[in-house]
Amino acid sequence: MKNNFSYLKEHIGRKVRVDRSGPESQEGRLLGLTEDLLVLKNNDSVIFYYQTSHLKSITLDSKEELSLAEENWVSEGSTLRDVLEKLKHSWIQINRGGPEKVEGVLSRVENDELILVRNEELIYISLFHIKSVSSPDVSNKNDQKASALGSSDLCEPMNVYTLSTPPSLRKRS
């Protein structure tokens, strides 16, 4: 069953808290809302994309005055998959905390899963079980990204394989 947070569209631009507590709880500005996604920008300017089906509660700051209505950051009908396609080849964080939190470079988005590269691992994650996705400030992540890609220089290829003819098949001179 999906949560219907459509009433929050009139509050885009306001300060909200997603969930009351726990690792997915986050406070910030509501940037956008679709049937499937809630977009939030926290105080550190990190943007989070929450699947509405995993949200338990939204709290509005009733004392805050909204000066200007903000434009919805996501187009109507956008899904988590649409957002992930735009984040391909970026450093992302899946979920905010707990045992399912993982960071790495988003390699591919497949039918019902994504592939994340972290160090020498390829991590397959079911889209259904993703609670939130964020693209943290990567200004200090270059070393981590290079490490995730297996390279010290981000412009160099991840792996270079040299193919050679096996000795048994080489021509003898």
N, C-alpha and C. Protein backbone atom coordinates (compact mmCIF):
# COMPACT_ATOMS: atom_id res chain seq x y z
N MET A 1 0.85 -1.18 0.00
CA MET A 1 0.00 0.00 0.00
C MET A 1 0.88 1.24 0.00
N LYS A 2 0.57 2.19 -0.87
CA LYS A 2 1.35 3.41 -0.96
C LYS A 2 0.81 4.47 -0.03
N ASN A 3 1.72 5.28 0.51
CA ASN A 3 1.31 6.42 1.30
C ASN A 3 0.90 7.53 0.34
N ASN A 4 -0.12 8.28 0.68
CA ASN A 4 -0.55 9.38 -0.15
C ASN A 4 -0.22 10.69 0.58
N PHE A 5 0.89 11.29 0.17
CA PHE A 5 1.31 12.55 0.77
C PHE A 5 1.00 13.73 -0.15
N SER A 6 0.00 13.58 -1.04
CA SER A 6 -0.29 14.62 -2.02
C SER A 6 -0.64 15.96 -1.37
N TYR A 7 -1.20 15.93 -0.17
CA TYR A 7 -1.53 17.16 0.55
C TYR A 7 -0.29 18.01 0.83
N LEU A 8 0.90 17.41 0.76
CA LEU A 8 2.12 18.15 1.04
C LEU A 8 2.57 19.04 -0.12
N LYS A 9 1.98 18.88 -1.29
CA LYS A 9 2.40 19.69 -2.45
C LYS A 9 2.28 21.17 -2.17
N GLU A 10 1.28 21.56 -1.41
CA GLU A 10 1.13 22.98 -1.07
C GLU A 10 2.19 23.46 -0.08
N HIS A 11 2.97 22.53 0.44
CA HIS A 11 4.02 22.89 1.41
C HIS A 11 5.43 22.79 0.83
N ILE A 12 5.54 22.64 -0.48
CA ILE A 12 6.87 22.61 -1.11
C ILE A 12 7.59 23.92 -0.78
N GLY A 13 8.82 23.79 -0.33
CA GLY A 13 9.61 24.94 0.10
C GLY A 13 9.66 25.11 1.61
N ARG A 14 8.81 24.41 2.32
CA ARG A 14 8.77 24.51 3.78
C ARG A 14 9.72 23.52 4.42
N LYS A 15 10.03 23.80 5.67
CA LYS A 15 10.87 22.93 6.48
C LYS A 15 10.03 21.76 6.98
N VAL A 16 10.55 20.53 6.77
CA VAL A 16 9.84 19.33 7.21
C VAL A 16 10.83 18.36 7.85
N ARG A 17 10.28 17.39 8.54
CA ARG A 17 11.06 16.26 9.07
C ARG A 17 10.44 15.00 8.51
N VAL A 18 11.30 14.18 7.91
CA VAL A 18 10.89 12.89 7.39
C VAL A 18 11.14 11.86 8.48
N ASP A 19 10.12 11.10 8.82
CA ASP A 19 10.15 10.13 9.91
C ASP A 19 10.51 10.82 11.22
N ARG A 20 10.12 10.25 12.30
CA ARG A 20 10.31 10.88 13.61
C ARG A 20 11.72 10.66 14.16
N SER A 21 12.25 9.46 13.96
CA SER A 21 13.58 9.17 14.46
C SER A 21 14.13 7.97 13.70
N GLY A 22 15.33 7.59 14.03
CA GLY A 22 15.93 6.44 13.36
C GLY A 22 16.87 6.88 12.24
N PRO A 23 17.49 5.92 11.58
CA PRO A 23 18.52 6.24 10.61
C PRO A 23 18.01 6.96 9.37
N GLU A 24 16.74 6.80 9.01
CA GLU A 24 16.21 7.48 7.82
C GLU A 24 15.63 8.85 8.13
N SER A 25 15.53 9.21 9.40
CA SER A 25 14.98 10.50 9.79
C SER A 25 15.89 11.62 9.28
N GLN A 26 15.26 12.66 8.75
CA GLN A 26 16.02 13.78 8.18
C GLN A 26 15.16 15.03 8.22
N GLU A 27 15.80 16.16 8.47
CA GLU A 27 15.12 17.44 8.49
C GLU A 27 15.67 18.31 7.38
N GLY A 28 14.79 19.06 6.73
CA GLY A 28 15.24 19.95 5.68
C GLY A 28 14.08 20.57 4.94
N ARG A 29 14.35 21.14 3.77
CA ARG A 29 13.34 21.77 2.92
C ARG A 29 12.73 20.76 1.97
N LEU A 30 11.42 20.77 1.88
CA LEU A 30 10.71 19.94 0.93
C LEU A 30 10.88 20.56 -0.45
N LEU A 31 11.56 19.86 -1.34
CA LEU A 31 11.82 20.39 -2.68
C LEU A 31 10.86 19.87 -3.73
N GLY A 32 10.31 18.69 -3.51
CA GLY A 32 9.42 18.14 -4.52
C GLY A 32 8.70 16.92 -4.03
N LEU A 33 7.65 16.57 -4.77
CA LEU A 33 6.82 15.45 -4.38
C LEU A 33 6.11 14.89 -5.60
N THR A 34 6.16 13.58 -5.74
CA THR A 34 5.34 12.88 -6.73
C THR A 34 4.66 11.75 -5.98
N GLU A 35 3.92 10.93 -6.68
CA GLU A 35 3.26 9.80 -6.04
C GLU A 35 4.27 8.85 -5.43
N ASP A 36 5.45 8.72 -6.06
CA ASP A 36 6.47 7.76 -5.62
C ASP A 36 7.63 8.36 -4.85
N LEU A 37 7.88 9.66 -4.98
CA LEU A 37 9.09 10.28 -4.42
C LEU A 37 8.80 11.52 -3.61
N LEU A 38 9.60 11.71 -2.57
CA LEU A 38 9.65 12.95 -1.83
C LEU A 38 11.10 13.42 -1.89
N VAL A 39 11.32 14.68 -2.27
CA VAL A 39 12.67 15.22 -2.41
C VAL A 39 12.89 16.25 -1.31
N LEU A 40 14.00 16.08 -0.59
CA LEU A 40 14.32 16.91 0.56
C LEU A 40 15.75 17.40 0.46
N LYS A 41 15.99 18.66 0.81
CA LYS A 41 17.35 19.22 0.87
C LYS A 41 17.64 19.55 2.33
N ASN A 42 18.67 18.87 2.90
CA ASN A 42 18.95 19.09 4.33
C ASN A 42 19.78 20.35 4.54
N ASN A 43 20.12 20.62 5.79
CA ASN A 43 20.87 21.84 6.14
C ASN A 43 22.28 21.86 5.57
N ASP A 44 22.82 20.70 5.19
CA ASP A 44 24.14 20.62 4.58
C ASP A 44 24.05 20.65 3.06
N SER A 45 22.88 20.98 2.53
CA SER A 45 22.61 21.08 1.09
C SER A 45 22.71 19.74 0.36
N VAL A 46 22.56 18.64 1.07
CA VAL A 46 22.52 17.32 0.45
C VAL A 46 21.06 17.04 0.08
N ILE A 47 20.85 16.56 -1.13
CA ILE A 47 19.50 16.27 -1.59
C ILE A 47 19.22 14.79 -1.41
N PHE A 48 18.06 14.49 -0.81
CA PHE A 48 17.63 13.12 -0.55
C PHE A 48 16.37 12.84 -1.35
N TYR A 49 16.31 11.64 -1.94
CA TYR A 49 15.14 11.17 -2.65
C TYR A 49 14.58 10.00 -1.86
N TYR A 50 13.41 10.18 -1.27
CA TYR A 50 12.77 9.14 -0.48
C TYR A 50 11.66 8.48 -1.28
N GLN A 51 11.59 7.16 -1.24
CA GLN A 51 10.43 6.47 -1.80
C GLN A 51 9.29 6.65 -0.81
N THR A 52 8.17 7.21 -1.25
CA THR A 52 7.07 7.49 -0.34
C THR A 52 6.50 6.22 0.28
N SER A 53 6.65 5.09 -0.39
CA SER A 53 6.13 3.84 0.17
C SER A 53 6.85 3.42 1.45
N HIS A 54 8.03 3.98 1.71
CA HIS A 54 8.78 3.63 2.92
C HIS A 54 8.69 4.69 4.02
N LEU A 55 8.00 5.80 3.76
CA LEU A 55 7.90 6.86 4.76
C LEU A 55 6.83 6.54 5.79
N LYS A 56 7.18 6.78 7.04
CA LYS A 56 6.23 6.52 8.12
C LYS A 56 5.49 7.79 8.52
N SER A 57 6.21 8.94 8.51
CA SER A 57 5.56 10.19 8.91
C SER A 57 6.31 11.39 8.33
N ILE A 58 5.57 12.49 8.20
CA ILE A 58 6.13 13.77 7.78
C ILE A 58 5.67 14.79 8.81
N THR A 59 6.58 15.59 9.33
CA THR A 59 6.24 16.62 10.30
C THR A 59 6.55 17.98 9.70
N LEU A 60 5.58 18.89 9.74
CA LEU A 60 5.76 20.26 9.25
C LEU A 60 6.13 21.16 10.41
N ASP A 61 6.96 22.15 10.16
CA ASP A 61 7.28 23.17 11.15
C ASP A 61 6.17 24.21 11.06
N SER A 62 5.23 24.18 11.99
CA SER A 62 4.05 25.04 11.93
C SER A 62 4.36 26.51 12.19
N LYS A 63 5.51 26.81 12.76
CA LYS A 63 5.87 28.20 13.06
C LYS A 63 6.54 28.90 11.88
N GLU A 64 6.98 28.12 10.91
CA GLU A 64 7.72 28.70 9.79
C GLU A 64 6.78 29.38 8.81
N GLU A 65 7.16 30.58 8.39
CA GLU A 65 6.43 31.30 7.36
C GLU A 65 7.10 31.01 6.03
N LEU A 66 6.30 30.67 5.04
CA LEU A 66 6.82 30.42 3.70
C LEU A 66 6.67 31.70 2.91
N SER A 67 7.81 32.27 2.50
CA SER A 67 7.76 33.55 1.80
C SER A 67 7.42 33.39 0.32
N LEU A 68 8.06 32.46 -0.34
CA LEU A 68 7.82 32.25 -1.77
C LEU A 68 7.53 30.78 -2.02
N ALA A 69 6.53 30.53 -2.82
CA ALA A 69 6.25 29.14 -3.20
C ALA A 69 7.38 28.66 -4.10
N GLU A 70 7.90 27.50 -3.81
CA GLU A 70 8.99 26.95 -4.60
C GLU A 70 8.44 26.01 -5.65
N GLU A 71 9.19 25.89 -6.74
CA GLU A 71 8.79 24.99 -7.81
C GLU A 71 9.15 23.57 -7.44
N ASN A 72 8.30 22.64 -7.82
CA ASN A 72 8.53 21.23 -7.57
C ASN A 72 9.79 20.78 -8.33
N TRP A 73 10.74 20.16 -7.64
CA TRP A 73 12.02 19.73 -8.23
C TRP A 73 11.90 18.49 -9.09
N VAL A 74 10.82 17.76 -8.95
CA VAL A 74 10.64 16.54 -9.74
C VAL A 74 9.37 16.68 -10.55
N SER A 75 9.42 16.20 -11.78
CA SER A 75 8.24 16.29 -12.63
C SER A 75 7.23 15.23 -12.22
N GLU A 76 5.97 15.56 -12.45
CA GLU A 76 4.88 14.65 -12.10
C GLU A 76 5.11 13.30 -12.77
N GLY A 77 4.94 12.25 -12.03
CA GLY A 77 5.13 10.91 -12.57
C GLY A 77 6.55 10.39 -12.46
N SER A 78 7.50 11.20 -11.99
CA SER A 78 8.87 10.74 -11.82
C SER A 78 8.92 9.63 -10.79
N THR A 79 9.81 8.69 -11.05
CA THR A 79 9.97 7.55 -10.14
C THR A 79 11.41 7.52 -9.64
N LEU A 80 11.67 6.65 -8.70
CA LEU A 80 13.02 6.47 -8.20
C LEU A 80 13.95 6.07 -9.35
N ARG A 81 13.46 5.22 -10.21
CA ARG A 81 14.26 4.78 -11.36
C ARG A 81 14.67 5.96 -12.24
N ASP A 82 13.77 6.91 -12.47
CA ASP A 82 14.08 8.10 -13.26
C ASP A 82 15.22 8.91 -12.61
N VAL A 83 15.14 9.07 -11.30
CA VAL A 83 16.18 9.81 -10.57
C VAL A 83 17.51 9.06 -10.65
N LEU A 84 17.46 7.74 -10.46
CA LEU A 84 18.70 6.95 -10.50
C LEU A 84 19.35 7.02 -11.88
N GLU A 85 18.57 7.03 -12.94
CA GLU A 85 19.14 7.14 -14.29
C GLU A 85 19.93 8.44 -14.43
N LYS A 86 19.45 9.51 -13.80
CA LYS A 86 20.15 10.80 -13.86
C LYS A 86 21.40 10.82 -12.97
N LEU A 87 21.43 9.95 -11.99
CA LEU A 87 22.57 9.90 -11.06
C LEU A 87 23.63 8.87 -11.47
N LYS A 88 23.45 8.20 -12.61
CA LYS A 88 24.43 7.19 -13.03
C LYS A 88 25.82 7.80 -13.11
N HIS A 89 26.81 7.01 -12.69
CA HIS A 89 28.22 7.37 -12.66
C HIS A 89 28.53 8.44 -11.61
N SER A 90 27.62 8.61 -10.66
CA SER A 90 27.83 9.55 -9.55
C SER A 90 28.03 8.76 -8.26
N TRP A 91 28.69 9.40 -7.32
CA TRP A 91 28.84 8.84 -5.98
C TRP A 91 27.51 9.04 -5.28
N ILE A 92 26.88 7.96 -4.79
CA ILE A 92 25.60 8.06 -4.10
C ILE A 92 25.64 7.28 -2.80
N GLN A 93 24.68 7.58 -1.95
CA GLN A 93 24.49 6.83 -0.71
C GLN A 93 23.09 6.25 -0.76
N ILE A 94 22.99 4.96 -0.52
CA ILE A 94 21.71 4.27 -0.45
C ILE A 94 21.37 4.13 1.03
N ASN A 95 20.22 4.61 1.42
CA ASN A 95 19.73 4.59 2.80
C ASN A 95 20.65 5.42 3.70
N ARG A 96 20.10 5.93 4.76
CA ARG A 96 20.84 6.87 5.61
C ARG A 96 21.64 6.21 6.70
N GLY A 97 21.26 5.05 7.13
CA GLY A 97 21.98 4.43 8.24
C GLY A 97 21.56 3.00 8.43
N GLY A 98 22.11 2.40 9.45
CA GLY A 98 21.79 1.01 9.74
C GLY A 98 22.57 0.07 8.86
N PRO A 99 22.24 -1.20 8.94
CA PRO A 99 23.03 -2.21 8.22
C PRO A 99 22.89 -2.14 6.70
N GLU A 100 21.85 -1.49 6.19
CA GLU A 100 21.64 -1.43 4.73
C GLU A 100 22.20 -0.16 4.10
N LYS A 101 22.86 0.68 4.87
CA LYS A 101 23.47 1.89 4.32
C LYS A 101 24.71 1.49 3.52
N VAL A 102 24.83 2.04 2.31
CA VAL A 102 26.00 1.75 1.49
C VAL A 102 26.25 2.93 0.55
N GLU A 103 27.51 3.22 0.31
CA GLU A 103 27.91 4.28 -0.61
C GLU A 103 28.77 3.70 -1.70
N GLY A 104 28.73 4.32 -2.85
CA GLY A 104 29.57 3.91 -3.96
C GLY A 104 29.17 4.64 -5.23
N VAL A 105 29.72 4.22 -6.34
CA VAL A 105 29.44 4.83 -7.63
C VAL A 105 28.32 4.02 -8.30
N LEU A 106 27.26 4.73 -8.68
CA LEU A 106 26.14 4.07 -9.35
C LEU A 106 26.56 3.71 -10.76
N SER A 107 26.66 2.44 -11.03
CA SER A 107 27.12 1.96 -12.32
C SER A 107 25.97 1.80 -13.32
N ARG A 108 24.94 1.05 -12.91
CA ARG A 108 23.83 0.78 -13.82
C ARG A 108 22.53 0.67 -13.05
N VAL A 109 21.45 0.93 -13.77
CA VAL A 109 20.12 0.69 -13.25
C VAL A 109 19.50 -0.35 -14.17
N GLU A 110 19.22 -1.52 -13.61
CA GLU A 110 18.64 -2.63 -14.37
C GLU A 110 17.12 -2.63 -14.16
N ASN A 111 16.47 -3.72 -14.51
CA ASN A 111 15.01 -3.82 -14.40
C ASN A 111 14.51 -3.46 -13.01
N ASP A 112 14.89 -4.23 -12.01
CA ASP A 112 14.41 -4.02 -10.66
C ASP A 112 15.53 -3.84 -9.65
N GLU A 113 16.72 -3.53 -10.14
CA GLU A 113 17.86 -3.37 -9.24
C GLU A 113 18.85 -2.37 -9.81
N LEU A 114 19.75 -1.95 -8.95
CA LEU A 114 20.84 -1.11 -9.40
C LEU A 114 22.15 -1.81 -9.08
N ILE A 115 23.20 -1.38 -9.74
CA ILE A 115 24.53 -1.93 -9.49
C ILE A 115 25.41 -0.79 -9.01
N LEU A 116 25.95 -0.97 -7.81
CA LEU A 116 26.80 0.01 -7.17
C LEU A 116 28.21 -0.54 -7.11
N VAL A 117 29.21 0.29 -7.44
CA VAL A 117 30.61 -0.13 -7.37
C VAL A 117 31.21 0.47 -6.11
N ARG A 118 31.77 -0.41 -5.28
CA ARG A 118 32.45 0.03 -4.05
C ARG A 118 33.69 -0.83 -3.90
N ASN A 119 34.85 -0.18 -3.96
CA ASN A 119 36.13 -0.87 -3.94
C ASN A 119 36.14 -1.94 -5.03
N GLU A 120 36.38 -3.17 -4.71
CA GLU A 120 36.39 -4.23 -5.72
C GLU A 120 35.06 -4.95 -5.82
N GLU A 121 34.03 -4.43 -5.14
CA GLU A 121 32.74 -5.10 -5.10
C GLU A 121 31.75 -4.51 -6.09
N LEU A 122 30.94 -5.37 -6.67
CA LEU A 122 29.74 -4.96 -7.40
C LEU A 122 28.57 -5.33 -6.51
N ILE A 123 27.81 -4.33 -6.09
CA ILE A 123 26.72 -4.56 -5.16
C ILE A 123 25.41 -4.41 -5.91
N TYR A 124 24.60 -5.46 -5.92
CA TYR A 124 23.28 -5.45 -6.55
C TYR A 124 22.26 -5.14 -5.48
N ILE A 125 21.46 -4.09 -5.69
CA ILE A 125 20.49 -3.66 -4.68
C ILE A 125 19.10 -3.59 -5.33
N SER A 126 18.14 -4.24 -4.71
CA SER A 126 16.76 -4.22 -5.18
C SER A 126 16.19 -2.81 -5.04
N LEU A 127 15.61 -2.27 -6.10
CA LEU A 127 15.02 -0.93 -6.05
C LEU A 127 13.87 -0.87 -5.04
N PHE A 128 13.13 -1.94 -4.92
CA PHE A 128 11.99 -1.97 -4.01
C PHE A 128 12.41 -1.71 -2.56
N HIS A 129 13.59 -2.17 -2.16
CA HIS A 129 14.00 -2.07 -0.77
C HIS A 129 14.79 -0.80 -0.46
N ILE A 130 14.99 0.06 -1.43
CA ILE A 130 15.69 1.32 -1.18
C ILE A 130 14.73 2.29 -0.51
N LYS A 131 15.14 2.79 0.65
CA LYS A 131 14.32 3.76 1.37
C LYS A 131 14.63 5.17 0.90
N SER A 132 15.94 5.47 0.75
CA SER A 132 16.33 6.80 0.30
C SER A 132 17.63 6.73 -0.48
N VAL A 133 17.82 7.73 -1.32
CA VAL A 133 19.04 7.88 -2.11
C VAL A 133 19.49 9.31 -1.96
N SER A 134 20.78 9.52 -1.73
CA SER A 134 21.31 10.87 -1.71
C SER A 134 22.62 10.88 -2.47
N SER A 135 22.95 12.06 -2.92
CA SER A 135 24.21 12.25 -3.61
C SER A 135 25.01 13.23 -2.76
N PRO A 136 25.78 12.70 -1.79
CA PRO A 136 26.49 13.55 -0.84
C PRO A 136 27.47 14.47 -1.54
N ASP A 137 27.89 15.51 -0.84
CA ASP A 137 28.90 16.43 -1.37
C ASP A 137 30.13 15.62 -1.73
N VAL A 138 30.48 15.62 -3.01
CA VAL A 138 31.59 14.79 -3.46
C VAL A 138 32.89 15.56 -3.59
N SER A 139 32.94 16.78 -3.10
CA SER A 139 34.19 17.53 -3.21
C SER A 139 35.32 16.84 -2.46
N ASN A 140 34.98 16.11 -1.38
CA ASN A 140 35.99 15.38 -0.64
C ASN A 140 35.94 13.88 -0.92
N LYS A 141 35.17 13.48 -1.90
CA LYS A 141 34.98 12.07 -2.18
C LYS A 141 35.84 11.58 -3.33
N ASN A 142 36.66 12.43 -3.96
CA ASN A 142 37.43 11.99 -5.12
C ASN A 142 38.30 10.79 -4.81
N ASP A 143 38.93 10.79 -3.64
CA ASP A 143 39.77 9.66 -3.28
C ASP A 143 38.93 8.40 -3.10
N GLN A 144 37.76 8.55 -2.46
CA GLN A 144 36.89 7.39 -2.26
C GLN A 144 36.36 6.89 -3.59
N LYS A 145 36.00 7.83 -4.48
CA LYS A 145 35.48 7.43 -5.78
C LYS A 145 36.56 6.71 -6.57
N ALA A 146 37.77 7.22 -6.52
CA ALA A 146 38.88 6.57 -7.22
C ALA A 146 39.11 5.18 -6.66
N SER A 147 39.02 5.08 -5.34
CA SER A 147 39.20 3.78 -4.71
C SER A 147 38.09 2.82 -5.13
N ALA A 148 36.86 3.34 -5.19
CA ALA A 148 35.74 2.50 -5.59
C ALA A 148 35.90 2.01 -7.02
N LEU A 149 36.51 2.84 -7.83
CA LEU A 149 36.71 2.46 -9.22
C LEU A 149 37.99 1.67 -9.43
N GLY A 150 38.80 1.56 -8.39
CA GLY A 150 40.04 0.78 -8.50
C GLY A 150 41.14 1.54 -9.20
N SER A 151 41.15 2.86 -9.09
CA SER A 151 42.15 3.66 -9.79
C SER A 151 42.52 4.86 -8.94
N SER A 152 43.76 5.31 -9.06
CA SER A 152 44.17 6.50 -8.34
C SER A 152 43.90 7.76 -9.15
N ASP A 153 43.68 7.64 -10.44
CA ASP A 153 43.37 8.76 -11.30
C ASP A 153 42.01 8.51 -11.92
N LEU A 154 41.04 9.41 -11.67
CA LEU A 154 39.69 9.19 -12.14
C LEU A 154 39.58 9.14 -13.65
N CYS A 155 40.58 9.61 -14.36
CA CYS A 155 40.53 9.61 -15.81
C CYS A 155 41.06 8.32 -16.41
N GLU A 156 41.72 7.52 -15.60
CA GLU A 156 42.26 6.26 -16.10
C GLU A 156 41.20 5.18 -16.07
N PRO A 157 41.30 4.18 -16.93
CA PRO A 157 40.31 3.11 -16.93
C PRO A 157 40.34 2.31 -15.64
N MET A 158 39.21 1.70 -15.33
CA MET A 158 39.08 0.92 -14.11
C MET A 158 40.02 -0.29 -14.11
N ASN A 159 40.01 -1.06 -15.14
CA ASN A 159 40.88 -2.23 -15.25
C ASN A 159 41.35 -2.31 -16.69
N VAL A 160 42.58 -2.64 -16.87
CA VAL A 160 43.11 -2.83 -18.21
C VAL A 160 43.59 -4.26 -18.29
N TYR A 161 43.06 -4.99 -19.25
CA TYR A 161 43.44 -6.37 -19.44
C TYR A 161 44.21 -6.47 -20.75
N THR A 162 45.33 -7.14 -20.74
CA THR A 162 46.10 -7.37 -21.94
C THR A 162 45.84 -8.79 -22.39
N LEU A 163 45.37 -8.89 -23.61
CA LEU A 163 45.11 -10.22 -24.17
C LEU A 163 46.31 -10.65 -24.97
N SER A 164 46.76 -11.81 -24.75
CA SER A 164 47.89 -12.32 -25.52
C SER A 164 47.58 -13.76 -25.94
N THR A 165 48.26 -14.18 -26.95
CA THR A 165 48.08 -15.54 -27.44
C THR A 165 48.80 -16.50 -26.50
N PRO A 166 48.12 -17.55 -26.09
CA PRO A 166 48.78 -18.52 -25.21
C PRO A 166 49.99 -19.13 -25.91
N PRO A 167 51.05 -19.47 -25.19
CA PRO A 167 52.27 -20.03 -25.79
C PRO A 167 52.00 -21.23 -26.67
N SER A 168 51.04 -22.06 -26.33
CA SER A 168 50.79 -23.26 -27.12
C SER A 168 50.25 -22.95 -28.52
N LEU A 169 49.71 -21.73 -28.70
CA LEU A 169 49.13 -21.37 -29.98
C LEU A 169 50.03 -20.44 -30.81
N ARG A 170 51.14 -20.01 -30.25
CA ARG A 170 52.03 -19.10 -30.98
C ARG A 170 52.76 -19.85 -32.08
N LYS A 171 53.03 -19.13 -33.18
CA LYS A 171 53.82 -19.72 -34.28
C LYS A 171 55.26 -19.88 -33.83
N ARG A 172 55.80 -20.97 -34.21
CA ARG A 172 57.21 -21.19 -33.87
C ARG A 172 58.04 -20.73 -35.07
N SER A 173 59.10 -20.03 -34.78
CA SER A 173 59.95 -19.55 -35.88
C SER A 173 61.18 -20.40 -36.06
